[in-house]
PDB file of all heavy atoms in Angstrom:
ATOM      1  N   PRO A   1      75.722  47.794 155.483  1.00  0.00           N
ATOM      2  CA  PRO A   1      76.609  47.852 154.317  1.00  0.00           C
ATOM      3  C   PRO A   1      76.154  48.824 153.273  1.00  0.00           C
ATOM      4  O   PRO A   1      76.956  49.518 152.622  1.00  0.00           O
ATOM      5  CB  PRO A   1      76.621  46.400 153.824  1.00  0.00           C
ATOM      6  CG  PRO A   1      76.451  45.604 155.068  1.00  0.00           C
ATOM      7  CD  PRO A   1      75.459  46.396 155.873  1.00  0.00           C
ATOM      8  N   THR A   2      74.847  48.913 153.009  1.00  0.00           N
ATOM      9  CA  THR A   2      74.320  49.859 152.030  1.00  0.00           C
ATOM     10  C   THR A   2      74.573  51.294 152.464  1.00  0.00           C
ATOM     11  O   THR A   2      74.994  52.133 151.644  1.00  0.00           O
ATOM     12  CB  THR A   2      72.819  49.622 151.774  1.00  0.00           C
ATOM     13  OG1 THR A   2      72.641  48.309 151.279  1.00  0.00           O
ATOM     14  CG2 THR A   2      72.288  50.621 150.746  1.00  0.00           C
ATOM     15  N   GLU A   3      74.331  51.573 153.719  1.00  0.00           N
ATOM     16  CA  GLU A   3      74.626  52.926 154.241  1.00  0.00           C
ATOM     17  C   GLU A   3      76.098  53.252 154.140  1.00  0.00           C
ATOM     18  O   GLU A   3      76.483  54.378 153.848  1.00  0.00           O
ATOM     19  CB  GLU A   3      74.105  53.033 155.690  1.00  0.00           C
ATOM     20  CG  GLU A   3      72.622  53.008 155.817  1.00  0.00           C
ATOM     21  CD  GLU A   3      72.153  52.757 157.236  1.00  0.00           C
ATOM     22  OE1 GLU A   3      73.021  52.460 158.117  1.00  0.00           O
ATOM     23  OE2 GLU A   3      70.937  52.837 157.520  1.00  0.00           O
ATOM     24  N   MET A   4      76.932  52.254 154.407  1.00  0.00           N
ATOM     25  CA  MET A   4      78.396  52.464 154.319  1.00  0.00           C
ATOM     26  C   MET A   4      78.810  52.773 152.871  1.00  0.00           C
ATOM     27  O   MET A   4      79.594  53.689 152.650  1.00  0.00           O
ATOM     28  CB  MET A   4      79.132  51.215 154.831  1.00  0.00           C
ATOM     29  CG  MET A   4      80.630  51.402 154.953  1.00  0.00           C
ATOM     30  SD  MET A   4      81.070  52.553 156.265  1.00  0.00           S
ATOM     31  CE  MET A   4      82.783  52.866 155.892  1.00  0.00           C
ATOM     32  N   ARG A   5      78.248  52.051 151.944  1.00  0.00           N
ATOM     33  CA  ARG A   5      78.612  52.293 150.531  1.00  0.00           C
ATOM     34  C   ARG A   5      78.139  53.686 150.133  1.00  0.00           C
ATOM     35  O   ARG A   5      78.819  54.394 149.376  1.00  0.00           O
ATOM     36  CB  ARG A   5      77.986  51.231 149.655  1.00  0.00           C
ATOM     37  CG  ARG A   5      78.683  49.878 149.717  1.00  0.00           C
ATOM     38  CD  ARG A   5      78.093  48.910 148.715  1.00  0.00           C
ATOM     39  NE  ARG A   5      78.309  49.343 147.366  1.00  0.00           N
ATOM     40  CZ  ARG A   5      79.420  49.096 146.643  1.00  0.00           C
ATOM     41  NH1 ARG A   5      80.401  48.423 147.190  1.00  0.00           N
ATOM     42  NH2 ARG A   5      79.518  49.521 145.404  1.00  0.00           N
ATOM     43  N   LEU A   6      76.981  54.091 150.593  1.00  0.00           N
ATOM     44  CA  LEU A   6      76.460  55.404 150.279  1.00  0.00           C
ATOM     45  C   LEU A   6      77.365  56.494 150.846  1.00  0.00           C
ATOM     46  O   LEU A   6      77.735  57.469 150.161  1.00  0.00           O
ATOM     47  CB  LEU A   6      75.034  55.554 150.845  1.00  0.00           C
ATOM     48  CG  LEU A   6      74.307  56.874 150.550  1.00  0.00           C
ATOM     49  CD1 LEU A   6      74.138  57.079 149.045  1.00  0.00           C
ATOM     50  CD2 LEU A   6      72.940  56.851 151.216  1.00  0.00           C
ATOM     51  N   LEU A   7      77.817  56.307 152.104  1.00  0.00           N
ATOM     52  CA  LEU A   7      78.702  57.286 152.721  1.00  0.00           C
ATOM     53  C   LEU A   7      80.055  57.318 151.987  1.00  0.00           C
ATOM     54  O   LEU A   7      80.661  58.398 151.823  1.00  0.00           O
ATOM     55  CB  LEU A   7      78.895  56.940 154.199  1.00  0.00           C
ATOM     56  CG  LEU A   7      79.826  57.886 154.975  1.00  0.00           C
ATOM     57  CD1 LEU A   7      79.373  59.343 154.848  1.00  0.00           C
ATOM     58  CD2 LEU A   7      79.918  57.471 156.436  1.00  0.00           C
ATOM     59  N   LEU A   8      80.538  56.157 151.552  1.00  0.00           N
ATOM     60  CA  LEU A   8      81.819  56.140 150.828  1.00  0.00           C
ATOM     61  C   LEU A   8      81.717  56.884 149.517  1.00  0.00           C
ATOM     62  O   LEU A   8      82.667  57.532 149.095  1.00  0.00           O
ATOM     63  CB  LEU A   8      82.233  54.691 150.595  1.00  0.00           C
ATOM     64  CG  LEU A   8      82.744  53.943 151.836  1.00  0.00           C
ATOM     65  CD1 LEU A   8      82.948  52.463 151.500  1.00  0.00           C
ATOM     66  CD2 LEU A   8      84.055  54.551 152.332  1.00  0.00           C
ATOM     67  N   GLU A   9      80.554  56.789 148.847  1.00  0.00           N
ATOM     68  CA  GLU A   9      80.358  57.554 147.601  1.00  0.00           C
ATOM     69  C   GLU A   9      80.454  59.031 147.887  1.00  0.00           C
ATOM     70  O   GLU A   9      81.121  59.788 147.170  1.00  0.00           O
ATOM     71  CB  GLU A   9      79.000  57.222 146.963  1.00  0.00           C
ATOM     72  CG  GLU A   9      78.987  55.934 146.180  1.00  0.00           C
ATOM     73  CD  GLU A   9      79.831  56.004 144.920  1.00  0.00           C
ATOM     74  OE1 GLU A   9      80.079  57.110 144.392  1.00  0.00           O
ATOM     75  OE2 GLU A   9      80.280  54.926 144.467  1.00  0.00           O
ATOM     76  N   PHE A  10      79.782  59.484 148.908  1.00  0.00           N
ATOM     77  CA  PHE A  10      79.844  60.918 149.291  1.00  0.00           C
ATOM     78  C   PHE A  10      81.263  61.303 149.721  1.00  0.00           C
ATOM     79  O   PHE A  10      81.767  62.363 149.341  1.00  0.00           O
ATOM     80  CB  PHE A  10      78.864  61.212 150.432  1.00  0.00           C
ATOM     81  CG  PHE A  10      77.419  61.272 149.994  1.00  0.00           C
ATOM     82  CD1 PHE A  10      76.485  60.440 150.560  1.00  0.00           C
ATOM     83  CD2 PHE A  10      77.014  62.173 149.022  1.00  0.00           C
ATOM     84  CE1 PHE A  10      75.145  60.518 150.176  1.00  0.00           C
ATOM     85  CE2 PHE A  10      75.687  62.252 148.624  1.00  0.00           C
ATOM     86  CZ  PHE A  10      74.752  61.427 149.203  1.00  0.00           C
ATOM     87  N   SER A  11      81.906  60.435 150.482  1.00  0.00           N
ATOM     88  CA  SER A  11      83.226  60.754 151.016  1.00  0.00           C
ATOM     89  C   SER A  11      84.300  60.833 149.928  1.00  0.00           C
ATOM     90  O   SER A  11      85.299  61.533 150.057  1.00  0.00           O
ATOM     91  CB  SER A  11      83.664  59.692 152.053  1.00  0.00           C
ATOM     92  OG  SER A  11      82.775  59.630 153.121  1.00  0.00           O
ATOM     93  N   ALA A  12      84.058  60.073 148.830  1.00  0.00           N
ATOM     94  CA  ALA A  12      85.028  60.085 147.747  1.00  0.00           C
ATOM     95  C   ALA A  12      84.975  61.397 146.964  1.00  0.00           C
ATOM     96  O   ALA A  12      85.894  61.730 146.211  1.00  0.00           O
ATOM     97  CB  ALA A  12      84.746  58.921 146.796  1.00  0.00           C
ATOM     98  N   ALA A  13      83.884  62.157 147.129  1.00  0.00           N
ATOM     99  CA  ALA A  13      83.730  63.419 146.368  1.00  0.00           C
ATOM    100  C   ALA A  13      83.058  64.461 147.236  1.00  0.00           C
ATOM    101  O   ALA A  13      81.981  64.945 146.918  1.00  0.00           O
ATOM    102  CB  ALA A  13      82.936  63.174 145.100  1.00  0.00           C
ATOM    103  N   PRO A  14      83.696  64.848 148.344  1.00  0.00           N
ATOM    104  CA  PRO A  14      83.064  65.844 149.223  1.00  0.00           C
ATOM    105  C   PRO A  14      82.866  67.173 148.495  1.00  0.00           C
ATOM    106  O   PRO A  14      83.716  67.619 147.751  1.00  0.00           O
ATOM    107  CB  PRO A  14      84.065  65.988 150.364  1.00  0.00           C
ATOM    108  CG  PRO A  14      85.385  65.536 149.801  1.00  0.00           C
ATOM    109  CD  PRO A  14      85.031  64.454 148.818  1.00  0.00           C
ATOM    110  N   GLY A  15      81.678  67.760 148.719  1.00  0.00           N
ATOM    111  CA  GLY A  15      81.370  69.046 148.087  1.00  0.00           C
ATOM    112  C   GLY A  15      80.844  68.915 146.674  1.00  0.00           C
ATOM    113  O   GLY A  15      80.422  69.891 146.071  1.00  0.00           O
ATOM    114  N   THR A  16      80.876  67.693 146.121  1.00  0.00           N
ATOM    115  CA  THR A  16      80.382  67.461 144.765  1.00  0.00           C
ATOM    116  C   THR A  16      78.932  66.943 144.811  1.00  0.00           C
ATOM    117  O   THR A  16      78.628  66.044 145.606  1.00  0.00           O
ATOM    118  CB  THR A  16      81.257  66.421 144.035  1.00  0.00           C
ATOM    119  OG1 THR A  16      82.596  66.885 143.987  1.00  0.00           O
ATOM    120  CG2 THR A  16      80.736  66.131 142.640  1.00  0.00           C
ATOM    121  N   VAL A  17      78.082  67.518 143.994  1.00  0.00           N
ATOM    122  CA  VAL A  17      76.697  67.075 143.968  1.00  0.00           C
ATOM    123  C   VAL A  17      76.597  65.755 143.237  1.00  0.00           C
ATOM    124  O   VAL A  17      77.050  65.624 142.093  1.00  0.00           O
ATOM    125  CB  VAL A  17      75.805  68.150 143.269  1.00  0.00           C
ATOM    126  CG1 VAL A  17      74.346  67.647 143.223  1.00  0.00           C
ATOM    127  CG2 VAL A  17      75.874  69.466 144.009  1.00  0.00           C
ATOM    128  N   LEU A  18      76.019  64.763 143.897  1.00  0.00           N
ATOM    129  CA  LEU A  18      75.803  63.460 143.286  1.00  0.00           C
ATOM    130  C   LEU A  18      74.314  63.278 143.008  1.00  0.00           C
ATOM    131  O   LEU A  18      73.504  63.416 143.917  1.00  0.00           O
ATOM    132  CB  LEU A  18      76.292  62.364 144.233  1.00  0.00           C
ATOM    133  CG  LEU A  18      77.749  62.454 144.702  1.00  0.00           C
ATOM    134  CD1 LEU A  18      78.108  61.279 145.614  1.00  0.00           C
ATOM    135  CD2 LEU A  18      78.701  62.526 143.517  1.00  0.00           C
ATOM    136  N   SER A  19      73.987  62.968 141.783  1.00  0.00           N
ATOM    137  CA  SER A  19      72.580  62.814 141.406  1.00  0.00           C
ATOM    138  C   SER A  19      72.020  61.501 141.949  1.00  0.00           C
ATOM    139  O   SER A  19      72.779  60.562 142.255  1.00  0.00           O
ATOM    140  CB  SER A  19      72.426  62.830 139.884  1.00  0.00           C
ATOM    141  OG  SER A  19      72.971  61.651 139.333  1.00  0.00           O
ATOM    142  N   ARG A  20      70.721  61.448 142.093  1.00  0.00           N
ATOM    143  CA  ARG A  20      70.086  60.208 142.551  1.00  0.00           C
ATOM    144  C   ARG A  20      70.355  59.053 141.580  1.00  0.00           C
ATOM    145  O   ARG A  20      70.569  57.938 141.997  1.00  0.00           O
ATOM    146  CB  ARG A  20      68.584  60.446 142.714  1.00  0.00           C
ATOM    147  CG  ARG A  20      68.244  61.385 143.889  1.00  0.00           C
ATOM    148  CD  ARG A  20      66.748  61.728 143.879  1.00  0.00           C
ATOM    149  NE  ARG A  20      66.359  62.522 145.038  1.00  0.00           N
ATOM    150  CZ  ARG A  20      66.531  63.845 145.113  1.00  0.00           C
ATOM    151  NH1 ARG A  20      67.075  64.504 144.101  1.00  0.00           N
ATOM    152  NH2 ARG A  20      66.123  64.510 146.196  1.00  0.00           N
ATOM    153  N   ASP A  21      70.320  59.351 140.278  1.00  0.00           N
ATOM    154  CA  ASP A  21      70.579  58.301 139.294  1.00  0.00           C
ATOM    155  C   ASP A  21      72.005  57.757 139.428  1.00  0.00           C
ATOM    156  O   ASP A  21      72.212  56.545 139.317  1.00  0.00           O
ATOM    157  CB  ASP A  21      70.375  58.859 137.858  1.00  0.00           C
ATOM    158  CG  ASP A  21      68.919  59.036 137.544  1.00  0.00           C
ATOM    159  OD1 ASP A  21      68.066  58.465 138.244  1.00  0.00           O
ATOM    160  OD2 ASP A  21      68.620  59.821 136.605  1.00  0.00           O
ATOM    161  N   ARG A  22      72.972  58.650 139.672  1.00  0.00           N
ATOM    162  CA  ARG A  22      74.347  58.155 139.857  1.00  0.00           C
ATOM    163  C   ARG A  22      74.456  57.290 141.109  1.00  0.00           C
ATOM    164  O   ARG A  22      75.124  56.258 141.081  1.00  0.00           O
ATOM    165  CB  ARG A  22      75.304  59.348 139.955  1.00  0.00           C
ATOM    166  CG  ARG A  22      76.715  58.926 140.351  1.00  0.00           C
ATOM    167  CD  ARG A  22      77.689  60.044 140.387  1.00  0.00           C
ATOM    168  NE  ARG A  22      78.969  59.654 140.982  1.00  0.00           N
ATOM    169  CZ  ARG A  22      80.053  60.417 141.023  1.00  0.00           C
ATOM    170  NH1 ARG A  22      80.007  61.644 140.522  1.00  0.00           N
ATOM    171  NH2 ARG A  22      81.139  59.995 141.578  1.00  0.00           N
ATOM    172  N   LEU A  23      73.787  57.706 142.173  1.00  0.00           N
ATOM    173  CA  LEU A  23      73.842  56.926 143.409  1.00  0.00           C
ATOM    174  C   LEU A  23      73.148  55.567 143.232  1.00  0.00           C
ATOM    175  O   LEU A  23      73.616  54.556 143.743  1.00  0.00           O
ATOM    176  CB  LEU A  23      73.214  57.695 144.558  1.00  0.00           C
ATOM    177  CG  LEU A  23      74.025  58.940 144.984  1.00  0.00           C
ATOM    178  CD1 LEU A  23      73.218  59.774 145.980  1.00  0.00           C
ATOM    179  CD2 LEU A  23      75.358  58.538 145.614  1.00  0.00           C
ATOM    180  N   LEU A  24      72.039  55.549 142.498  1.00  0.00           N
ATOM    181  CA  LEU A  24      71.378  54.263 142.190  1.00  0.00           C
ATOM    182  C   LEU A  24      72.310  53.324 141.460  1.00  0.00           C
ATOM    183  O   LEU A  24      72.378  52.131 141.741  1.00  0.00           O
ATOM    184  CB  LEU A  24      70.124  54.510 141.366  1.00  0.00           C
ATOM    185  CG  LEU A  24      68.832  54.881 142.082  1.00  0.00           C
ATOM    186  CD1 LEU A  24      67.750  55.228 141.080  1.00  0.00           C
ATOM    187  CD2 LEU A  24      68.368  53.717 142.969  1.00  0.00           C
ATOM    188  N   GLU A  25      73.050  53.879 140.502  1.00  0.00           N
ATOM    189  CA  GLU A  25      73.946  53.065 139.710  1.00  0.00           C
ATOM    190  C   GLU A  25      75.167  52.598 140.520  1.00  0.00           C
ATOM    191  O   GLU A  25      75.535  51.411 140.474  1.00  0.00           O
ATOM    192  CB  GLU A  25      74.448  53.852 138.482  1.00  0.00           C
ATOM    193  CG  GLU A  25      75.424  53.083 137.621  1.00  0.00           C
ATOM    194  CD  GLU A  25      75.932  53.944 136.473  1.00  0.00           C
ATOM    195  OE1 GLU A  25      75.431  55.042 136.252  1.00  0.00           O
ATOM    196  OE2 GLU A  25      76.853  53.450 135.773  1.00  0.00           O
ATOM    197  N   ARG A  26      75.735  53.504 141.309  1.00  0.00           N
ATOM    198  CA  ARG A  26      76.982  53.185 142.008  1.00  0.00           C
ATOM    199  C   ARG A  26      76.767  52.414 143.296  1.00  0.00           C
ATOM    200  O   ARG A  26      77.562  51.516 143.657  1.00  0.00           O
ATOM    201  CB  ARG A  26      77.745  54.479 142.318  1.00  0.00           C
ATOM    202  CG  ARG A  26      78.171  55.237 141.082  1.00  0.00           C
ATOM    203  CD  ARG A  26      79.264  54.503 140.322  1.00  0.00           C
ATOM    204  NE  ARG A  26      80.495  54.418 141.095  1.00  0.00           N
ATOM    205  CZ  ARG A  26      81.430  55.347 141.084  1.00  0.00           C
ATOM    206  NH1 ARG A  26      81.278  56.443 140.354  1.00  0.00           N
ATOM    207  NH2 ARG A  26      82.513  55.182 141.807  1.00  0.00           N
ATOM    208  N   VAL A  27      75.686  52.707 144.053  1.00  0.00           N
ATOM    209  CA  VAL A  27      75.468  52.056 145.329  1.00  0.00           C
ATOM    210  C   VAL A  27      74.549  50.851 145.192  1.00  0.00           C
ATOM    211  O   VAL A  27      74.816  49.790 145.761  1.00  0.00           O
ATOM    212  CB  VAL A  27      74.870  53.050 146.349  1.00  0.00           C
ATOM    213  CG1 VAL A  27      74.574  52.353 147.679  1.00  0.00           C
ATOM    214  CG2 VAL A  27      75.840  54.227 146.556  1.00  0.00           C
ATOM    215  N   TRP A  28      73.491  50.980 144.400  1.00  0.00           N
ATOM    216  CA  TRP A  28      72.535  49.888 144.244  1.00  0.00           C
ATOM    217  C   TRP A  28      72.798  49.032 143.042  1.00  0.00           C
ATOM    218  O   TRP A  28      72.086  48.049 142.797  1.00  0.00           O
ATOM    219  CB  TRP A  28      71.098  50.442 144.225  1.00  0.00           C
ATOM    220  CG  TRP A  28      70.611  50.783 145.589  1.00  0.00           C
ATOM    221  CD1 TRP A  28      69.892  49.971 146.431  1.00  0.00           C
ATOM    222  CD2 TRP A  28      70.820  52.010 146.328  1.00  0.00           C
ATOM    223  NE1 TRP A  28      69.644  50.613 147.613  1.00  0.00           N
ATOM    224  CE2 TRP A  28      70.221  51.863 147.584  1.00  0.00           C
ATOM    225  CE3 TRP A  28      71.479  53.208 146.046  1.00  0.00           C
ATOM    226  CZ2 TRP A  28      70.229  52.858 148.547  1.00  0.00           C
ATOM    227  CZ3 TRP A  28      71.499  54.212 146.985  1.00  0.00           C
ATOM    228  CH2 TRP A  28      70.884  54.047 148.224  1.00  0.00           C
ATOM    229  N   ASP A  29      73.765  49.364 142.237  1.00  0.00           N
ATOM    230  CA  ASP A  29      74.169  48.558 141.083  1.00  0.00           C
ATOM    231  C   ASP A  29      73.034  48.461 140.050  1.00  0.00           C
ATOM    232  O   ASP A  29      72.858  47.445 139.410  1.00  0.00           O
ATOM    233  CB  ASP A  29      74.592  47.171 141.536  1.00  0.00           C
ATOM    234  CG  ASP A  29      75.443  46.432 140.505  1.00  0.00           C
ATOM    235  OD1 ASP A  29      75.947  47.113 139.580  1.00  0.00           O
ATOM    236  OD2 ASP A  29      75.585  45.207 140.597  1.00  0.00           O
ATOM    237  N   TYR A  30      72.244  49.509 139.935  1.00  0.00           N
ATOM    238  CA  TYR A  30      71.171  49.553 138.938  1.00  0.00           C
ATOM    239  C   TYR A  30      71.785  49.932 137.595  1.00  0.00           C
ATOM    240  O   TYR A  30      72.267  51.038 137.445  1.00  0.00           O
ATOM    241  CB  TYR A  30      70.118  50.570 139.312  1.00  0.00           C
ATOM    242  CG  TYR A  30      69.111  50.137 140.338  1.00  0.00           C
ATOM    243  CD1 TYR A  30      69.372  49.119 141.228  1.00  0.00           C
ATOM    244  CD2 TYR A  30      67.862  50.724 140.408  1.00  0.00           C
ATOM    245  CE1 TYR A  30      68.462  48.741 142.180  1.00  0.00           C
ATOM    246  CE2 TYR A  30      66.923  50.362 141.366  1.00  0.00           C
ATOM    247  CZ  TYR A  30      67.214  49.356 142.262  1.00  0.00           C
ATOM    248  OH  TYR A  30      66.310  48.968 143.175  1.00  0.00           O
ATOM    249  N   GLY A  31      71.656  49.048 136.632  1.00  0.00           N
ATOM    250  CA  GLY A  31      72.071  49.397 135.293  1.00  0.00           C
ATOM    251  C   GLY A  31      70.915  49.948 134.483  1.00  0.00           C
ATOM    252  O   GLY A  31      70.998  50.155 133.289  1.00  0.00           O
ATOM    253  N   TRP A  32      69.815  50.221 135.203  1.00  0.00           N
ATOM    254  CA  TRP A  32      68.621  50.758 134.564  1.00  0.00           C
ATOM    255  C   TRP A  32      68.007  51.758 135.518  1.00  0.00           C
ATOM    256  O   TRP A  32      68.405  51.891 136.660  1.00  0.00           O
ATOM    257  CB  TRP A  32      67.635  49.633 134.296  1.00  0.00           C
ATOM    258  CG  TRP A  32      67.205  48.900 135.511  1.00  0.00           C
ATOM    259  CD1 TRP A  32      66.156  49.158 136.337  1.00  0.00           C
ATOM    260  CD2 TRP A  32      67.874  47.779 136.116  1.00  0.00           C
ATOM    261  NE1 TRP A  32      66.070  48.261 137.368  1.00  0.00           N
ATOM    262  CE2 TRP A  32      67.140  47.422 137.284  1.00  0.00           C
ATOM    263  CE3 TRP A  32      69.026  47.045 135.805  1.00  0.00           C
ATOM    264  CZ2 TRP A  32      67.523  46.369 138.119  1.00  0.00           C
ATOM    265  CZ3 TRP A  32      69.381  46.005 136.637  1.00  0.00           C
ATOM    266  CH2 TRP A  32      68.650  45.676 137.778  1.00  0.00           C
ATOM    267  N   GLY A  33      67.007  52.502 135.026  1.00  0.00           N
ATOM    268  CA  GLY A  33      66.340  53.453 135.884  1.00  0.00           C
ATOM    269  C   GLY A  33      65.659  52.779 137.068  1.00  0.00           C
ATOM    270  O   GLY A  33      65.058  51.715 136.916  1.00  0.00           O
ATOM    271  N   GLY A  34      65.771  53.368 138.220  1.00  0.00           N
ATOM    272  CA  GLY A  34      65.124  52.803 139.416  1.00  0.00           C
ATOM    273  C   GLY A  34      64.359  53.856 140.172  1.00  0.00           C
ATOM    274  O   GLY A  34      64.356  55.038 139.801  1.00  0.00           O
ATOM    275  N   ASP A  35      63.712  53.459 141.241  1.00  0.00           N
ATOM    276  CA  ASP A  35      62.923  54.335 142.045  1.00  0.00           C
ATOM    277  C   ASP A  35      63.834  55.123 142.981  1.00  0.00           C
ATOM    278  O   ASP A  35      64.525  54.529 143.830  1.00  0.00           O
ATOM    279  CB  ASP A  35      61.918  53.505 142.867  1.00  0.00           C
ATOM    280  CG  ASP A  35      60.903  54.358 143.603  1.00  0.00           C
ATOM    281  OD1 ASP A  35      61.175  55.570 143.777  1.00  0.00           O
ATOM    282  OD2 ASP A  35      59.854  53.845 143.992  1.00  0.00           O
ATOM    283  N   THR A  36      63.876  56.444 142.829  1.00  0.00           N
ATOM    284  CA  THR A  36      64.798  57.255 143.618  1.00  0.00           C
ATOM    285  C   THR A  36      64.400  57.366 145.082  1.00  0.00           C
ATOM    286  O   THR A  36      65.170  57.860 145.892  1.00  0.00           O
ATOM    287  CB  THR A  36      64.927  58.663 143.030  1.00  0.00           C
ATOM    288  OG1 THR A  36      63.625  59.301 142.957  1.00  0.00           O
ATOM    289  CG2 THR A  36      65.517  58.621 141.634  1.00  0.00           C
ATOM    290  N   ARG A  37      63.211  56.836 145.440  1.00  0.00           N
ATOM    291  CA  ARG A  37      62.841  56.808 146.841  1.00  0.00           C
ATOM    292  C   ARG A  37      63.838  55.971 147.642  1.00  0.00           C
ATOM    293  O   ARG A  37      64.063  56.245 148.818  1.00  0.00           O
ATOM    294  CB  ARG A  37      61.416  56.250 147.033  1.00  0.00           C
ATOM    295  CG  ARG A  37      60.310  57.210 146.633  1.00  0.00           C
ATOM    296  CD  ARG A  37      58.961  56.592 146.823  1.00  0.00           C
ATOM    297  NE  ARG A  37      58.771  55.386 146.014  1.00  0.00           N
ATOM    298  CZ  ARG A  37      57.631  54.699 145.988  1.00  0.00           C
ATOM    299  NH1 ARG A  37      56.595  55.069 146.727  1.00  0.00           N
ATOM    300  NH2 ARG A  37      57.509  53.643 145.190  1.00  0.00           N
ATOM    301  N   VAL A  38      64.418  54.966 147.016  1.00  0.00           N
ATOM    302  CA  VAL A  38      65.418  54.129 147.669  1.00  0.00           C
ATOM    303  C   VAL A  38      66.564  55.004 148.144  1.00  0.00           C
ATOM    304  O   VAL A  38      67.060  54.883 149.262  1.00  0.00           O
ATOM    305  CB  VAL A  38      65.902  53.022 146.734  1.00  0.00           C
ATOM    306  CG1 VAL A  38      67.051  52.231 147.375  1.00  0.00           C
ATOM    307  CG2 VAL A  38      64.777  52.063 146.367  1.00  0.00           C
ATOM    308  N   VAL A  39      67.008  55.913 147.256  1.00  0.00           N
ATOM    309  CA  VAL A  39      68.107  56.814 147.603  1.00  0.00           C
ATOM    310  C   VAL A  39      67.679  57.787 148.721  1.00  0.00           C
ATOM    311  O   VAL A  39      68.370  57.948 149.696  1.00  0.00           O
ATOM    312  CB  VAL A  39      68.566  57.609 146.367  1.00  0.00           C
ATOM    313  CG1 VAL A  39      69.648  58.622 146.711  1.00  0.00           C
ATOM    314  CG2 VAL A  39      69.074  56.662 145.282  1.00  0.00           C
ATOM    315  N   ASP A  40      66.514  58.393 148.534  1.00  0.00           N
ATOM    316  CA  ASP A  40      66.067  59.427 149.465  1.00  0.00           C
ATOM    317  C   ASP A  40      65.940  58.869 150.886  1.00  0.00           C
ATOM    318  O   ASP A  40      66.346  59.523 151.848  1.00  0.00           O
ATOM    319  CB  ASP A  40      64.752  60.019 149.013  1.00  0.00           C
ATOM    320  CG  ASP A  40      64.868  60.771 147.698  1.00  0.00           C
ATOM    321  OD1 ASP A  40      65.962  61.228 147.384  1.00  0.00           O
ATOM    322  OD2 ASP A  40      63.838  60.917 147.014  1.00  0.00           O
ATOM    323  N   VAL A  41      65.353  57.674 151.017  1.00  0.00           N
ATOM    324  CA  VAL A  41      65.167  57.127 152.354  1.00  0.00           C
ATOM    325  C   VAL A  41      66.500  56.732 152.971  1.00  0.00           C
ATOM    326  O   VAL A  41      66.721  57.000 154.160  1.00  0.00           O
ATOM    327  CB  VAL A  41      64.237  55.897 152.313  1.00  0.00           C
ATOM    328  CG1 VAL A  41      64.142  55.231 153.666  1.00  0.00           C
ATOM    329  CG2 VAL A  41      62.824  56.315 151.853  1.00  0.00           C
TER     330      VAL A  41
END
């Protein structure tokens, strides 16, 4: 499910650069700064 949500974020904006912080907020529901290694892995 996490991989699916990540792919849906990318699919909703193809060709648009999504920052790690935005992905942390949108996919992992972080309302605060988090470790971007979660995104990278």
